[in-house]
N, C-alpha and C. Protein backbone atom coordinates (compact mmCIF):
# COMPACT_ATOMS: atom_id res chain seq x y z
N MET A 1 92.90 110.61 73.95
CA MET A 1 91.92 110.56 75.02
C MET A 1 91.56 109.12 75.35
N ALA A 2 91.39 108.88 76.61
CA ALA A 2 91.02 107.55 77.08
C ALA A 2 89.56 107.54 77.49
N THR A 3 88.90 106.43 77.24
CA THR A 3 87.52 106.26 77.70
C THR A 3 87.54 105.40 78.96
N LEU A 4 86.95 105.93 80.02
CA LEU A 4 86.91 105.22 81.30
C LEU A 4 85.49 104.79 81.61
N ASP A 5 85.31 103.54 82.01
CA ASP A 5 84.01 103.07 82.48
C ASP A 5 83.86 103.46 83.94
N ILE A 6 82.71 104.01 84.29
CA ILE A 6 82.42 104.37 85.66
C ILE A 6 81.44 103.34 86.20
N LYS A 7 81.87 102.63 87.25
CA LYS A 7 81.10 101.51 87.80
C LYS A 7 80.59 101.85 89.20
N THR A 8 79.50 101.19 89.57
CA THR A 8 78.97 101.34 90.92
C THR A 8 79.78 100.48 91.89
N GLU A 9 79.84 100.92 93.13
CA GLU A 9 80.55 100.16 94.16
C GLU A 9 79.57 99.40 95.06
N ILE A 10 78.27 99.69 94.90
CA ILE A 10 77.26 99.03 95.73
C ILE A 10 76.04 98.73 94.86
N THR A 11 75.13 97.94 95.40
CA THR A 11 73.83 97.71 94.77
C THR A 11 72.87 98.76 95.30
N GLY A 12 72.07 99.35 94.41
CA GLY A 12 71.11 100.36 94.84
C GLY A 12 70.25 100.85 93.70
N ASN A 13 69.45 101.86 93.99
CA ASN A 13 68.59 102.50 93.00
C ASN A 13 69.24 103.79 92.53
N VAL A 14 69.16 104.06 91.23
CA VAL A 14 69.65 105.34 90.72
C VAL A 14 68.64 106.39 91.15
N TRP A 15 69.04 107.20 92.13
CA TRP A 15 68.14 108.20 92.69
C TRP A 15 68.10 109.46 91.81
N LYS A 16 69.28 109.95 91.40
CA LYS A 16 69.33 111.18 90.60
C LYS A 16 70.58 111.18 89.72
N ILE A 17 70.38 111.55 88.46
CA ILE A 17 71.51 111.75 87.55
C ILE A 17 71.79 113.25 87.55
N VAL A 18 73.00 113.63 87.96
CA VAL A 18 73.31 115.04 88.14
C VAL A 18 74.12 115.65 87.00
N LYS A 19 74.68 114.82 86.13
CA LYS A 19 75.44 115.31 84.98
C LYS A 19 74.83 114.74 83.70
N ALA A 20 75.05 115.46 82.60
CA ALA A 20 74.54 115.03 81.29
C ALA A 20 75.71 114.78 80.35
N VAL A 21 75.44 114.06 79.28
CA VAL A 21 76.46 113.81 78.26
C VAL A 21 76.97 115.17 77.77
N GLY A 22 78.29 115.28 77.71
CA GLY A 22 78.92 116.52 77.26
C GLY A 22 79.37 117.43 78.40
N ASP A 23 78.89 117.17 79.62
CA ASP A 23 79.29 117.98 80.77
C ASP A 23 80.74 117.68 81.15
N ARG A 24 81.47 118.72 81.53
CA ARG A 24 82.82 118.57 82.07
C ARG A 24 82.70 118.23 83.55
N VAL A 25 83.54 117.34 84.03
CA VAL A 25 83.57 116.99 85.45
C VAL A 25 85.01 116.99 85.94
N GLU A 26 85.15 117.26 87.21
CA GLU A 26 86.47 117.19 87.85
C GLU A 26 86.55 115.89 88.64
N GLU A 27 87.77 115.47 88.95
CA GLU A 27 87.97 114.26 89.74
C GLU A 27 87.15 114.33 91.02
N ASP A 28 86.49 113.25 91.35
CA ASP A 28 85.65 113.09 92.54
C ASP A 28 84.34 113.88 92.50
N GLU A 29 83.99 114.47 91.36
CA GLU A 29 82.69 115.15 91.22
C GLU A 29 81.61 114.12 90.92
N ALA A 30 80.45 114.27 91.56
CA ALA A 30 79.36 113.31 91.38
C ALA A 30 78.79 113.36 89.97
N ILE A 31 78.55 112.19 89.40
CA ILE A 31 77.89 112.06 88.10
C ILE A 31 76.44 111.63 88.31
N LEU A 32 76.25 110.73 89.27
CA LEU A 32 74.90 110.34 89.66
C LEU A 32 74.90 109.93 91.12
N ILE A 33 73.71 109.81 91.68
CA ILE A 33 73.57 109.47 93.09
C ILE A 33 72.71 108.22 93.23
N LEU A 34 73.23 107.25 93.97
CA LEU A 34 72.49 106.03 94.25
C LEU A 34 71.83 106.14 95.62
N GLU A 35 70.73 105.44 95.78
CA GLU A 35 70.07 105.32 97.08
C GLU A 35 70.13 103.86 97.47
N SER A 36 70.69 103.61 98.65
CA SER A 36 70.77 102.24 99.14
C SER A 36 70.63 102.27 100.65
N MET A 37 69.69 101.50 101.16
CA MET A 37 69.45 101.43 102.61
C MET A 37 69.24 102.82 103.20
N LYS A 38 68.48 103.65 102.49
CA LYS A 38 68.11 105.00 102.91
C LYS A 38 69.31 105.96 103.01
N MET A 39 70.41 105.61 102.34
CA MET A 39 71.58 106.48 102.27
C MET A 39 71.78 106.89 100.82
N GLU A 40 72.28 108.11 100.62
CA GLU A 40 72.61 108.60 99.28
C GLU A 40 74.11 108.44 99.06
N ILE A 41 74.47 107.73 98.01
CA ILE A 41 75.88 107.44 97.73
C ILE A 41 76.21 107.97 96.34
N PRO A 42 77.12 108.97 96.25
CA PRO A 42 77.48 109.50 94.93
C PRO A 42 78.38 108.53 94.17
N VAL A 43 78.18 108.49 92.86
CA VAL A 43 79.09 107.78 91.96
C VAL A 43 79.88 108.90 91.27
N THR A 44 81.19 108.90 91.49
CA THR A 44 82.01 110.05 91.09
C THR A 44 82.96 109.75 89.93
N ALA A 45 83.44 110.83 89.34
CA ALA A 45 84.41 110.72 88.26
C ALA A 45 85.78 110.33 88.84
N PRO A 46 86.46 109.35 88.26
CA PRO A 46 87.77 108.95 88.77
C PRO A 46 88.87 109.96 88.44
N GLU A 47 88.62 110.81 87.45
CA GLU A 47 89.56 111.87 87.08
C GLU A 47 88.82 112.92 86.26
N ASP A 48 89.50 114.03 85.96
CA ASP A 48 88.89 115.09 85.16
C ASP A 48 88.55 114.58 83.76
N GLY A 49 87.44 115.07 83.21
CA GLY A 49 87.08 114.67 81.85
C GLY A 49 85.71 115.17 81.45
N THR A 50 85.19 114.57 80.40
CA THR A 50 83.88 114.92 79.85
C THR A 50 83.01 113.67 79.86
N VAL A 51 81.76 113.82 80.31
CA VAL A 51 80.83 112.69 80.32
C VAL A 51 80.53 112.31 78.87
N ALA A 52 80.87 111.08 78.50
CA ALA A 52 80.66 110.60 77.13
C ALA A 52 79.34 109.86 76.99
N ALA A 53 78.89 109.21 78.06
CA ALA A 53 77.64 108.43 78.00
C ALA A 53 77.11 108.21 79.41
N ILE A 54 75.80 108.23 79.52
CA ILE A 54 75.10 107.81 80.73
C ILE A 54 74.36 106.53 80.34
N LEU A 55 74.66 105.44 81.02
CA LEU A 55 74.16 104.12 80.61
C LEU A 55 73.05 103.59 81.50
N THR A 56 72.41 104.47 82.24
CA THR A 56 71.32 104.07 83.12
C THR A 56 70.29 105.20 83.15
N GLU A 57 69.24 105.02 83.91
CA GLU A 57 68.22 106.07 84.03
C GLU A 57 67.77 106.15 85.48
N GLU A 58 67.21 107.28 85.85
CA GLU A 58 66.71 107.45 87.21
C GLU A 58 65.66 106.39 87.50
N GLY A 59 65.75 105.81 88.69
CA GLY A 59 64.81 104.77 89.10
C GLY A 59 65.29 103.36 88.83
N ALA A 60 66.35 103.22 88.02
CA ALA A 60 66.86 101.88 87.70
C ALA A 60 67.56 101.28 88.92
N VAL A 61 67.49 99.95 89.02
CA VAL A 61 68.22 99.22 90.04
C VAL A 61 69.51 98.73 89.42
N VAL A 62 70.64 99.02 90.09
CA VAL A 62 71.94 98.58 89.58
C VAL A 62 72.63 97.75 90.66
N THR A 63 73.46 96.83 90.21
CA THR A 63 74.20 95.99 91.14
C THR A 63 75.66 96.44 91.20
N GLU A 64 76.36 95.98 92.21
CA GLU A 64 77.77 96.32 92.35
C GLU A 64 78.54 95.96 91.08
N GLY A 65 79.33 96.91 90.57
CA GLY A 65 80.14 96.68 89.38
C GLY A 65 79.46 97.04 88.07
N THR A 66 78.22 97.51 88.11
CA THR A 66 77.52 97.91 86.89
C THR A 66 78.16 99.16 86.30
N VAL A 67 78.42 99.15 84.99
CA VAL A 67 78.92 100.35 84.32
C VAL A 67 77.73 101.27 84.09
N VAL A 68 77.75 102.45 84.72
CA VAL A 68 76.63 103.37 84.64
C VAL A 68 76.92 104.60 83.78
N ALA A 69 78.20 104.84 83.48
CA ALA A 69 78.58 106.01 82.68
C ALA A 69 79.95 105.77 82.07
N ARG A 70 80.27 106.58 81.06
CA ARG A 70 81.59 106.56 80.45
C ARG A 70 82.14 107.98 80.43
N LEU A 71 83.44 108.09 80.66
CA LEU A 71 84.10 109.38 80.75
C LEU A 71 85.24 109.44 79.75
N GLU A 72 85.31 110.52 79.00
CA GLU A 72 86.45 110.78 78.13
C GLU A 72 87.45 111.60 78.94
N ALA A 73 88.60 111.03 79.21
CA ALA A 73 89.60 111.72 80.04
C ALA A 73 90.81 112.13 79.23
């Protein structure tokens, strides 16, 4: 199994975490949702796997390239 870092593509606020550690996800399924400039932007799984870690919390401000989760694929 490979561990993949899931990074943000934009700067924004973590609006909602929709998956928990141990949850199975499919490719392109949202793990959390960022709010930036009044838009909701999902941060998605790059491939099928299991959420190994959530490295942020709701309300946190993250910058582009921040690792916000880890996926066991």
